C-alpha cells in the first residue's frame, strides 16, 4: 500500500534536479497509488472480525 508512495518520494528526490516535470509526475503517481491502496483496503476490510457485535465480560 505504501510502496507506491515511498517509490514516488524516492523517484522525486532522484529526478528533481535533472527532470523536474518527471519528478512531479512520479510524486503524483505515488500519492495516487497510495490513495487507491487505502481505498481498496477500506472497501475490502471485514469489520465483523475487528469489531464484535457485543462485548462479553465475565466477572467471577
C-alpha atoms as a PDB file:
ATOM      1  CA  UNK A   1       0.000   0.000   0.000  1.00  0.00           C
ATOM      2  CA  UNK A   2       2.686   2.464   0.938  1.00  0.00           C
ATOM      3  CA  UNK A   3       5.278   1.215  -1.533  1.00  0.00           C
ATOM      4  CA  UNK A   4       3.800   3.405  -4.264  1.00  0.00           C
ATOM      5  CA  UNK A   5       4.064   6.446  -2.012  1.00  0.00           C
ATOM      6  CA  UNK A   6       7.598   5.614  -0.920  1.00  0.00           C
ATOM      7  CA  UNK A   7       8.636   4.912  -4.518  1.00  0.00           C
ATOM      8  CA  UNK A   8       7.157   8.229  -5.636  1.00  0.00           C
ATOM      9  CA  UNK A   9       9.067  10.132  -2.967  1.00  0.00           C
ATOM     10  CA  UNK A  10      12.328   8.386  -3.813  1.00  0.00           C
ATOM     11  CA  UNK A  11      11.827   8.993  -7.547  1.00  0.00           C
ATOM     12  CA  UNK A  12      11.055  12.647  -6.846  1.00  0.00           C
ATOM     13  CA  UNK A  13      14.294  13.207  -4.946  1.00  0.00           C
ATOM     14  CA  UNK A  14      16.329  11.338  -7.553  1.00  0.00           C
ATOM     15  CA  UNK A  15      14.847  13.193 -10.539  1.00  0.00           C
ATOM     16  CA  UNK A  16      14.115  16.650  -9.104  1.00  0.00           C
ATOM     17  CA  UNK A  17      17.310  18.325 -10.368  1.00  0.00           C
ATOM     18  CA  UNK A  18      17.566  16.695 -13.801  1.00  0.00           C
ATOM     19  CA  UNK A  19      13.908  16.417 -14.846  1.00  0.00           C
ATOM     20  CA  UNK A  20      11.571  18.380 -12.545  1.00  0.00           C
ATOM     21  CA  UNK A  21       8.400  17.636 -14.555  1.00  0.00           C
ATOM     22  CA  UNK A  22       9.011  13.895 -14.483  1.00  0.00           C
ATOM     23  CA  UNK A  23       9.842  14.143 -10.770  1.00  0.00           C
ATOM     24  CA  UNK A  24       6.488  15.816 -10.033  1.00  0.00           C
ATOM     25  CA  UNK A  25       4.659  13.223 -12.110  1.00  0.00           C
ATOM     26  CA  UNK A  26       6.343  10.404 -10.180  1.00  0.00           C
ATOM     27  CA  UNK A  27       5.364  12.020  -6.902  1.00  0.00           C
ATOM     28  CA  UNK A  28       1.748  12.465  -8.034  1.00  0.00           C
ATOM     29  CA  UNK A  29       1.642   8.873  -9.247  1.00  0.00           C
ATOM     30  CA  UNK A  30       2.979   7.629  -5.895  1.00  0.00           C
ATOM     31  CA  UNK A  31       0.377   9.637  -3.980  1.00  0.00           C
ATOM     32  CA  UNK A  32      -2.378   8.375  -6.279  1.00  0.00           C
ATOM     33  CA  UNK A  33      -1.330   4.742  -5.941  1.00  0.00           C
ATOM     34  CA  UNK A  34      -1.129   5.100  -2.169  1.00  0.00           C
ATOM     35  CA  UNK A  35      -4.626   6.607  -2.019  1.00  0.00           C
ATOM     36  CA  UNK A  36      -6.017   3.849  -4.255  1.00  0.00           C
ATOM     37  CA  UNK A  37      -4.454   1.246  -1.958  1.00  0.00           C
ATOM     38  CA  UNK A  38      -6.049   2.806   1.113  1.00  0.00           C
ATOM     39  CA  UNK A  39      -9.458   2.958  -0.574  1.00  0.00           C
ATOM     40  CA  UNK A  40      -9.240  -0.673  -1.710  1.00  0.00           C
ATOM     41  CA  UNK A  41      -8.214  -1.805   1.776  1.00  0.00           C
ATOM     42  CA  UNK A  42     -11.089   0.089   3.370  1.00  0.00           C
ATOM     43  CA  UNK A  43     -13.515  -1.358   0.826  1.00  0.00           C
ATOM     44  CA  UNK A  44     -12.476  -4.978   1.376  1.00  0.00           C
ATOM     45  CA  UNK A  45     -11.955  -4.893   5.144  1.00  0.00           C
ATOM     46  CA  UNK A  46     -14.207  -7.262   7.052  1.00  0.00           C
ATOM     47  CA  UNK A  47     -15.270  -5.170  10.023  1.00  0.00           C
ATOM     48  CA  UNK A  48     -17.048  -8.060  11.736  1.00  0.00           C
ATOM     49  CA  UNK A  49     -13.697  -9.551  12.752  1.00  0.00           C
ATOM     50  CA  UNK A  50     -12.405  -6.229  14.056  1.00  0.00           C
ATOM     51  CA  UNK A  51     -15.447  -5.030  15.987  1.00  0.00           C
ATOM     52  CA  UNK A  52     -17.636  -7.701  17.624  1.00  0.00           C
ATOM     53  CA  UNK A  53     -21.401  -7.166  17.901  1.00  0.00           C
ATOM     54  CA  UNK A  54     -21.264  -7.197  21.685  1.00  0.00           C
ATOM     55  CA  UNK A  55     -18.604  -7.184  24.339  1.00  0.00           C
ATOM     56  CA  UNK A  56     -18.929 -10.055  26.793  1.00  0.00           C
ATOM     57  CA  UNK A  57     -17.367  -9.524  30.189  1.00  0.00           C
ATOM     58  CA  UNK A  58     -17.394 -12.385  32.658  1.00  0.00           C
ATOM     59  CA  UNK A  59     -16.959 -11.442  36.298  1.00  0.00           C
ATOM     60  CA  UNK A  60     -16.380 -14.413  38.583  1.00  0.00           C
END
